[in-house]
């Protein structure tokens, strides 16, 4: 896990850009060539969504975000997304699912510039687990409409489709007020860390070098602006399948260790489980989250 509680500030190393290699000159042509046709215009690339801190939150030990499903109503109680290992009750054991547990946890709501503009408070832990995924969702005492009216900040929308490899993403940390941009490198059949195993995890390309305290950060698809995953871990020391050193396990049981590479857990699979009034109902059609 990306350590949720950081004991000391981490120094940020600035890497200088490498100089581009010189190109070798082409030899002169010995045969007359017909003029090359004019190059065709490249197809227009879709504009990337602007990603800032609006709607993200800082926890006491982690990052998070105010999120909604595509069908959430303004009158629904708002939800905050983070990691299961960020719960104030401690790490859930393998196989453990926490649901509808009273909580009064507070969250600092950030605006687009990363400035704290107010405090949100939980009424309960709606759902939390570290089995198959690493997620916690708190239900708040305020509705989406109340947050919008009081702070002028809307919730981030959860994508309801599986993310795609190669997608440009940004990890937004409310704890550090930092962003990390890279691409989805691929997906991991099983990601094993200590006693926990997660399914179909997102692997980042190397430029998302997330650190402790970024746990729970929303992973935002920059082509849609929607949340596709929640940041949760990375292999720090090159160890094999230990805490803070997850390993990848494929369908044949082959283990791969990628030191310095970081990961997230998909969130599209939560959408079918959230019904009217922001209520988690694990019996809803299409809901495959682990049950208590």
Protein backbone atom coordinates (compact mmCIF):
# COMPACT_ATOMS: atom_id res chain seq x y z
CA UNK A 1 0.00 0.00 0.00
CA UNK A 2 1.05 3.59 -0.46
CA UNK A 3 1.69 4.18 3.22
CA UNK A 4 -1.34 6.16 4.41
CA UNK A 5 0.54 7.90 7.20
CA UNK A 6 3.80 9.57 6.21
CA UNK A 7 6.26 10.15 9.02
CA UNK A 8 8.50 12.64 7.25
CA UNK A 9 8.27 14.87 4.21
CA UNK A 10 9.73 13.21 1.17
CA UNK A 11 12.24 15.08 -0.93
CA UNK A 12 11.13 15.53 -4.51
CA UNK A 13 13.90 14.85 -7.01
CA UNK A 14 13.87 16.85 -10.19
CA UNK A 15 15.09 14.91 -13.19
CA UNK A 16 16.76 16.90 -15.94
CA UNK A 17 15.61 16.34 -19.48
CA UNK A 18 18.01 14.27 -21.54
CA UNK A 19 19.42 15.91 -24.63
CA UNK A 20 17.99 14.62 -27.89
CA UNK A 21 20.47 12.55 -29.93
CA UNK A 22 21.80 14.14 -33.06
CA UNK A 23 20.36 12.80 -36.30
CA UNK A 24 22.79 11.43 -38.87
CA UNK A 25 22.73 13.24 -42.22
CA UNK A 26 21.19 11.26 -45.08
CA UNK A 27 23.53 10.54 -48.04
CA UNK A 28 22.82 12.55 -51.22
CA UNK A 29 20.43 10.88 -53.66
CA UNK A 30 22.07 9.34 -56.75
CA UNK A 31 18.78 8.90 -58.61
CA UNK A 32 16.33 11.70 -59.33
CA UNK A 33 13.23 11.33 -57.20
CA UNK A 34 9.70 12.45 -57.95
CA UNK A 35 8.45 15.15 -55.61
CA UNK A 36 6.95 13.66 -52.48
CA UNK A 37 3.19 14.10 -52.18
CA UNK A 38 2.06 16.69 -49.68
CA UNK A 39 1.55 15.05 -46.29
CA UNK A 40 -2.02 14.51 -45.21
CA UNK A 41 -3.19 16.32 -42.16
CA UNK A 42 -3.17 14.17 -39.06
CA UNK A 43 -6.61 13.47 -37.63
CA UNK A 44 -7.59 15.90 -34.92
CA UNK A 45 -6.95 14.54 -31.45
CA UNK A 46 -9.73 14.88 -28.89
CA UNK A 47 -9.16 17.65 -26.38
CA UNK A 48 -8.13 16.34 -22.97
CA UNK A 49 -10.26 17.21 -19.98
CA UNK A 50 -8.88 19.85 -17.64
CA UNK A 51 -7.97 18.14 -14.37
CA UNK A 52 -7.67 20.12 -11.15
CA UNK A 53 -8.31 19.59 -7.43
CA UNK A 54 -12.00 20.54 -7.35
CA UNK A 55 -13.97 17.80 -5.60
CA UNK A 56 -10.95 16.08 -4.11
CA UNK A 57 -10.53 15.83 -0.35
CA UNK A 58 -7.73 15.44 2.17
CA UNK A 59 -8.12 12.80 4.88
CA UNK A 60 -6.01 12.72 8.04
CA UNK A 61 -3.79 10.07 6.46
CA UNK A 62 -4.79 9.70 2.81
CA UNK A 63 -6.39 11.30 -0.23
CA UNK A 64 -9.92 10.97 -1.55
CA UNK A 65 -12.67 12.55 -3.63
CA UNK A 66 -16.37 13.34 -3.60
CA UNK A 67 -17.89 11.02 -6.21
CA UNK A 68 -21.23 10.29 -7.80
CA UNK A 69 -22.56 7.63 -10.15
CA UNK A 70 -23.97 8.64 -13.56
CA UNK A 71 -27.48 8.27 -12.11
CA UNK A 72 -26.96 10.04 -8.77
CA UNK A 73 -29.45 12.81 -7.97
CA UNK A 74 -28.56 16.20 -6.46
CA UNK A 75 -30.72 15.27 -3.46
CA UNK A 76 -28.73 12.08 -2.74
CA UNK A 77 -26.28 12.01 0.18
CA UNK A 78 -22.80 12.65 -1.19
CA UNK A 79 -20.14 9.92 -1.18
CA UNK A 80 -16.38 10.12 -0.59
CA UNK A 81 -14.10 7.56 -2.24
CA UNK A 82 -10.77 6.44 -0.78
CA UNK A 83 -8.91 3.17 -0.06
CA UNK A 84 -9.90 0.34 2.24
CA UNK A 85 -6.48 0.62 3.87
CA UNK A 86 -7.25 4.27 4.71
CA UNK A 87 -10.18 3.40 7.01
CA UNK A 88 -9.89 4.85 10.51
CA UNK A 89 -10.75 1.38 11.84
CA UNK A 90 -7.52 -0.09 10.41
CA UNK A 91 -6.80 -2.45 7.53
CA UNK A 92 -9.72 -4.84 6.86
CA UNK A 93 -8.56 -8.45 7.07
CA UNK A 94 -8.62 -10.61 3.94
CA UNK A 95 -12.23 -11.56 3.34
CA UNK A 96 -13.58 -8.77 5.56
CA UNK A 97 -16.16 -6.30 4.26
CA UNK A 98 -17.27 -3.26 6.29
CA UNK A 99 -20.76 -1.91 5.55
CA UNK A 100 -22.97 0.74 7.11
CA UNK A 101 -20.67 1.33 10.08
CA UNK A 102 -21.18 4.64 11.89
CA UNK A 103 -18.45 7.19 11.31
CA UNK A 104 -17.99 10.90 11.98
CA UNK A 105 -14.77 11.20 10.03
CA UNK A 106 -14.01 14.63 8.58
CA UNK A 107 -12.62 15.53 5.14
CA UNK A 108 -11.15 18.80 3.91
CA UNK A 109 -12.80 19.74 0.61
CA UNK A 110 -10.51 21.34 -1.97
CA UNK A 111 -11.30 23.81 -4.72
CA UNK A 112 -9.74 23.80 -8.19
CA UNK A 113 -6.56 25.46 -6.92
CA UNK A 114 -6.09 22.91 -4.14
CA UNK A 115 -7.16 25.26 -1.37
CA UNK A 116 -9.25 23.83 1.46
CA UNK A 117 -12.65 25.54 1.42
CA UNK A 118 -14.57 23.61 4.05
CA UNK A 119 -14.98 20.48 6.11
CA UNK A 120 -17.26 17.62 5.13
CA UNK A 121 -18.30 14.99 7.64
CA UNK A 122 -19.22 11.33 7.26
CA UNK A 123 -22.34 9.76 8.68
CA UNK A 124 -21.13 6.22 8.03
CA UNK A 125 -18.72 3.95 6.19
CA UNK A 126 -21.05 2.82 3.43
CA UNK A 127 -18.62 0.19 2.10
CA UNK A 128 -15.02 -0.80 2.69
CA UNK A 129 -12.81 -3.77 1.89
CA UNK A 130 -9.33 -4.88 0.90
CA UNK A 131 -10.55 -8.11 -0.67
CA UNK A 132 -10.42 -8.26 -4.51
CA UNK A 133 -10.07 -4.45 -4.44
CA UNK A 134 -8.89 -1.76 -2.02
CA UNK A 135 -11.71 0.70 -1.57
CA UNK A 136 -13.64 2.66 1.03
CA UNK A 137 -16.74 4.76 0.44
CA UNK A 138 -18.10 7.12 3.09
CA UNK A 139 -21.62 8.54 3.03
CA UNK A 140 -21.67 12.20 4.07
CA UNK A 141 -24.11 14.26 6.11
CA UNK A 142 -24.57 16.66 3.16
CA UNK A 143 -26.16 16.05 -0.23
CA UNK A 144 -24.51 16.78 -3.56
CA UNK A 145 -26.81 19.80 -3.94
CA UNK A 146 -25.85 21.17 -0.53
CA UNK A 147 -22.12 20.89 -1.30
CA UNK A 148 -22.64 22.55 -4.68
CA UNK A 149 -24.69 25.36 -3.13
CA UNK A 150 -22.35 26.00 -0.21
CA UNK A 151 -18.97 25.62 -1.95
CA UNK A 152 -19.71 25.79 -5.67
CA UNK A 153 -18.02 22.41 -6.16
CA UNK A 154 -19.53 19.41 -7.89
CA UNK A 155 -18.73 15.74 -7.42
CA UNK A 156 -16.50 13.75 -9.75
CA UNK A 157 -18.39 11.16 -11.81
CA UNK A 158 -17.47 7.47 -11.66
CA UNK A 159 -17.09 5.89 -15.08
CA UNK A 160 -19.36 2.88 -15.53
CA UNK A 161 -17.12 1.16 -18.10
CA UNK A 162 -13.84 -0.75 -17.79
CA UNK A 163 -10.79 1.49 -18.36
CA UNK A 164 -8.69 1.06 -21.49
CA UNK A 165 -4.93 0.53 -21.80
CA UNK A 166 -3.12 3.54 -23.22
CA UNK A 167 -5.60 6.03 -21.74
CA UNK A 168 -3.99 9.24 -20.44
CA UNK A 169 -4.74 9.63 -16.75
CA UNK A 170 -4.05 11.98 -13.85
CA UNK A 171 -3.82 10.90 -10.21
CA UNK A 172 -4.98 13.80 -8.00
CA UNK A 173 -3.79 13.77 -4.38
CA UNK A 174 -5.76 15.93 -1.99
CA UNK A 175 -3.38 15.04 0.85
CA UNK A 176 -0.29 16.39 -0.93
CA UNK A 177 -2.11 18.76 -3.31
CA UNK A 178 -0.12 17.21 -6.13
CA UNK A 179 -1.01 15.61 -9.42
CA UNK A 180 0.72 12.81 -11.33
CA UNK A 181 0.11 12.30 -15.04
CA UNK A 182 0.87 9.20 -17.10
CA UNK A 183 -0.98 6.51 -19.08
CA UNK A 184 -2.63 3.23 -18.16
CA UNK A 185 0.10 0.75 -19.02
CA UNK A 186 -2.11 -2.34 -18.67
CA UNK A 187 -4.00 -4.53 -16.24
CA UNK A 188 -2.83 -7.09 -13.70
CA UNK A 189 -4.70 -10.40 -13.37
CA UNK A 190 -3.85 -10.61 -9.67
CA UNK A 191 -1.89 -8.09 -7.62
CA UNK A 192 -0.63 -9.60 -4.36
CA UNK A 193 0.66 -7.57 -1.41
CA UNK A 194 1.24 -9.19 1.95
CA UNK A 195 -1.96 -11.00 2.94
CA UNK A 196 -4.12 -9.22 0.36
CA UNK A 197 -4.89 -10.02 -3.27
CA UNK A 198 -6.58 -7.64 -5.73
CA UNK A 199 -8.14 -8.51 -9.07
CA UNK A 200 -7.76 -6.78 -12.45
CA UNK A 201 -5.65 -3.91 -11.10
CA UNK A 202 -4.55 -0.90 -13.14
CA UNK A 203 -0.81 -0.58 -13.76
CA UNK A 204 0.57 2.90 -14.52
CA UNK A 205 3.39 3.85 -16.82
CA UNK A 206 6.46 4.94 -14.89
CA UNK A 207 5.82 8.70 -14.77
CA UNK A 208 3.06 8.28 -12.18
CA UNK A 209 5.58 7.99 -9.36
CA UNK A 210 3.06 8.29 -6.54
CA UNK A 211 4.20 8.39 -2.92
CA UNK A 212 2.87 7.69 0.57
CA UNK A 213 -0.20 9.82 1.30
CA UNK A 214 -1.50 9.55 -2.28
CA UNK A 215 -3.49 6.48 -1.26
CA UNK A 216 -7.14 6.98 -2.14
CA UNK A 217 -6.51 9.56 -4.85
CA UNK A 218 -8.97 9.47 -7.75
CA UNK A 219 -7.49 8.33 -11.06
CA UNK A 220 -9.07 10.53 -13.71
CA UNK A 221 -9.36 9.64 -17.38
CA UNK A 222 -8.20 12.80 -19.14
CA UNK A 223 -10.28 12.03 -22.24
CA UNK A 224 -13.57 11.97 -20.30
CA UNK A 225 -12.85 13.67 -16.98
CA UNK A 226 -14.35 10.68 -15.16
CA UNK A 227 -12.89 8.60 -12.32
CA UNK A 228 -11.75 5.18 -13.54
CA UNK A 229 -9.77 3.94 -10.53
CA UNK A 230 -8.51 4.73 -7.05
CA UNK A 231 -4.75 4.90 -6.45
CA UNK A 232 -3.54 2.41 -3.86
CA UNK A 233 -0.02 0.96 -4.02
CA UNK A 234 3.38 0.57 -5.64
CA UNK A 235 6.48 -1.59 -5.41
CA UNK A 236 8.98 0.47 -3.44
CA UNK A 237 11.99 -1.78 -2.81
CA UNK A 238 11.84 -4.53 -5.42
CA UNK A 239 10.75 -7.14 -2.88
CA UNK A 240 8.37 -9.90 -3.87
CA UNK A 241 4.72 -9.75 -2.73
CA UNK A 242 5.44 -8.04 0.63
CA UNK A 243 3.71 -5.02 2.16
CA UNK A 244 4.59 -1.93 0.08
CA UNK A 245 6.05 -4.28 -2.54
CA UNK A 246 3.17 -5.81 -4.50
CA UNK A 247 3.87 -8.41 -7.16
CA UNK A 248 1.94 -9.27 -10.30
CA UNK A 249 0.61 -12.81 -10.72
CA UNK A 250 -0.70 -13.92 -14.13
CA UNK A 251 -3.27 -16.58 -15.02
CA UNK A 252 -0.55 -19.26 -14.95
CA UNK A 253 0.79 -18.26 -11.55
CA UNK A 254 3.89 -16.56 -12.95
CA UNK A 255 5.07 -13.79 -10.62
CA UNK A 256 6.53 -10.51 -11.90
CA UNK A 257 8.07 -7.79 -9.73
CA UNK A 258 8.27 -4.25 -11.12
CA UNK A 259 10.19 -2.02 -8.74
CA UNK A 260 9.09 1.61 -8.88
CA UNK A 261 5.83 0.87 -10.69
CA UNK A 262 2.53 1.95 -9.11
CA UNK A 263 -1.03 0.66 -9.26
CA UNK A 264 -4.71 1.46 -8.74
CA UNK A 265 -7.98 -0.39 -8.31
CA UNK A 266 -10.79 -0.03 -10.85
CA UNK A 267 -13.99 1.70 -9.76
CA UNK A 268 -16.45 1.01 -12.61
CA UNK A 269 -17.45 -2.18 -10.76
CA UNK A 270 -18.86 -0.11 -7.88
CA UNK A 271 -21.44 1.68 -10.01
CA UNK A 272 -23.94 -1.21 -10.30
CA UNK A 273 -23.83 -1.62 -6.50
CA UNK A 274 -25.00 1.92 -5.67
CA UNK A 275 -28.73 2.51 -5.80
CA UNK A 276 -31.15 5.33 -5.05
CA UNK A 277 -30.16 7.55 -2.15
CA UNK A 278 -26.47 6.55 -2.50
CA UNK A 279 -27.25 3.23 -0.82
CA UNK A 280 -24.93 0.28 -1.39
CA UNK A 281 -27.01 -2.78 -2.32
CA UNK A 282 -24.79 -5.75 -3.16
CA UNK A 283 -27.77 -7.72 -4.50
CA UNK A 284 -28.33 -5.29 -7.39
CA UNK A 285 -27.94 -6.73 -10.93
CA UNK A 286 -24.33 -6.53 -12.10
CA UNK A 287 -22.90 -5.91 -8.63
CA UNK A 288 -19.90 -8.18 -8.07
CA UNK A 289 -18.21 -6.47 -5.11
CA UNK A 290 -17.26 -8.80 -2.24
CA UNK A 291 -20.06 -9.34 0.25
CA UNK A 292 -19.78 -9.49 4.06
